Amino acid sequence: AKDALPKPVAEVMSLELRSSGDWGLPGLSSSAVSYNEEFIKQHAKRSVSHAVAAACATTEIDPAKANGAADTVLNAELGGNITYKDGVDALNWMKEAKVGSEKVAAFCAKARTRFPLCTAFAEPKSS
């Protein structure tokens, strides 16, 4: 295959990745999908920035899963550990990934509870 690594390189990569847990990154020898799913289970619920990273990875693996990836962001807790920048980064990712407007609106409503004066999350003005 065109994208295949030369055999010696592939062998070294395989050996190194097998021991990735020894240097603090367990799971690197698994597939990108499996690694991302495990990341979501461990980190995405507690942190918006981690949820956005996981959502980005999901859409890199399969762009058609943007709306599902948005659920990862929507399910993240917006407690005291979220910053304004985290919220805006999440909103920007949702817009860039072309997530459905109902999910963007749901995120903005949730973010307004944490940042009620932030115009980035303001309700759209009705005409």
Foldseek 3Di string as FASTA:
>chain_A
DVPDDPPVVVVVVLVVLVCVVVVPQPPSNPDLVVSLVVQLVVPLQADLQSLLVSLVSVCVVPLVCNQVSLVSNLNHDPPPVDDPVSLVSNLVSNVVSVHDPVSSLSSLVNVCVVVVPDPVSDDDDDD
